Amino acid sequence: MLFDWVAAGLNVSTAVKRGLYTVHQSLVVTIIGKLTDADIEQLEQSLRDWLGL
């Protein structure tokens, strides 16, 4: 769960789903927000834990 979803510019409470996906840049229609530094740190730590790094 993102803690700073309002500060990120999102209009609803948001969670990050576990998994790695790639999306070609041409498929990105619009950017709806930007994660705060605190949420980026939490996401990076979660990915490290999930990947065993």
C-alpha atoms as a PDB file:
ATOM      1  CA  MET A   1       0.000   0.000   0.000  1.00  0.00           C
ATOM      2  CA  LEU A   2       1.321   3.437  -0.858  1.00  0.00           C
ATOM      3  CA  PHE A   3       1.350   5.795   2.114  1.00  0.00           C
ATOM      4  CA  ASP A   4       1.667   9.048   0.188  1.00  0.00           C
ATOM      5  CA  TRP A   5      -0.782   8.334  -2.629  1.00  0.00           C
ATOM      6  CA  VAL A   6      -2.291  11.835  -2.428  1.00  0.00           C
ATOM      7  CA  ALA A   7       1.152  13.461  -2.600  1.00  0.00           C
ATOM      8  CA  ALA A   8       1.907  11.205  -5.573  1.00  0.00           C
ATOM      9  CA  GLY A   9      -1.004  12.800  -7.432  1.00  0.00           C
ATOM     10  CA  LEU A  10      -3.283   9.755  -7.284  1.00  0.00           C
ATOM     11  CA  ASN A  11      -6.994  10.165  -6.610  1.00  0.00           C
ATOM     12  CA  VAL A  12      -7.575   6.876  -4.733  1.00  0.00           C
ATOM     13  CA  SER A  13      -5.686   4.755  -2.214  1.00  0.00           C
ATOM     14  CA  THR A  14      -3.264   2.657  -4.230  1.00  0.00           C
ATOM     15  CA  ALA A  15      -1.282  -0.545  -3.773  1.00  0.00           C
ATOM     16  CA  VAL A  16       1.581  -1.970  -5.788  1.00  0.00           C
ATOM     17  CA  LYS A  17       1.025  -5.476  -7.080  1.00  0.00           C
ATOM     18  CA  ARG A  18       3.935  -7.876  -6.759  1.00  0.00           C
ATOM     19  CA  GLY A  19       5.440  -8.766 -10.095  1.00  0.00           C
ATOM     20  CA  LEU A  20       7.751  -7.449 -12.731  1.00  0.00           C
ATOM     21  CA  TYR A  21       6.337  -6.221 -15.997  1.00  0.00           C
ATOM     22  CA  THR A  22       7.650  -4.257 -18.912  1.00  0.00           C
ATOM     23  CA  VAL A  23       5.631  -1.836 -20.980  1.00  0.00           C
ATOM     24  CA  HIS A  24       6.849  -0.267 -24.173  1.00  0.00           C
ATOM     25  CA  GLN A  25       7.016   3.504 -23.754  1.00  0.00           C
ATOM     26  CA  SER A  26       4.713   4.031 -26.745  1.00  0.00           C
ATOM     27  CA  LEU A  27       1.911   2.306 -24.773  1.00  0.00           C
ATOM     28  CA  VAL A  28       2.048   4.847 -21.936  1.00  0.00           C
ATOM     29  CA  VAL A  29      -0.760   7.279 -22.662  1.00  0.00           C
ATOM     30  CA  THR A  30      -0.461   9.566 -19.657  1.00  0.00           C
ATOM     31  CA  ILE A  31       1.401   9.783 -16.380  1.00  0.00           C
ATOM     32  CA  ILE A  32      -1.016  10.067 -13.467  1.00  0.00           C
ATOM     33  CA  GLY A  33       1.397  10.604 -10.586  1.00  0.00           C
ATOM     34  CA  LYS A  34       4.890  10.267  -9.186  1.00  0.00           C
ATOM     35  CA  LEU A  35       5.856   8.257  -6.114  1.00  0.00           C
ATOM     36  CA  THR A  36       7.286  10.106  -3.138  1.00  0.00           C
ATOM     37  CA  ASP A  37      10.797   9.267  -1.948  1.00  0.00           C
ATOM     38  CA  ALA A  38       9.379   7.379   1.064  1.00  0.00           C
ATOM     39  CA  ASP A  39       7.176   5.176  -1.142  1.00  0.00           C
ATOM     40  CA  ILE A  40      10.048   4.599  -3.594  1.00  0.00           C
ATOM     41  CA  GLU A  41      12.237   3.391  -0.713  1.00  0.00           C
ATOM     42  CA  GLN A  42       9.472   1.065   0.511  1.00  0.00           C
ATOM     43  CA  LEU A  43       8.909  -0.282  -2.998  1.00  0.00           C
ATOM     44  CA  GLU A  44      12.630  -0.882  -3.539  1.00  0.00           C
ATOM     45  CA  GLN A  45      12.921  -2.716  -0.198  1.00  0.00           C
ATOM     46  CA  SER A  46       9.874  -4.843  -1.002  1.00  0.00           C
ATOM     47  CA  LEU A  47      11.371  -5.784  -4.381  1.00  0.00           C
ATOM     48  CA  ARG A  48      14.707  -6.679  -2.736  1.00  0.00           C
ATOM     49  CA  ASP A  49      12.901  -8.879  -0.205  1.00  0.00           C
ATOM     50  CA  TRP A  50      10.763 -10.525  -2.897  1.00  0.00           C
ATOM     51  CA  LEU A  51      13.775 -11.187  -5.143  1.00  0.00           C
ATOM     52  CA  GLY A  52      15.971 -12.322  -2.246  1.00  0.00           C
ATOM     53  CA  LEU A  53      18.583  -9.597  -2.779  1.00  0.00           C
END
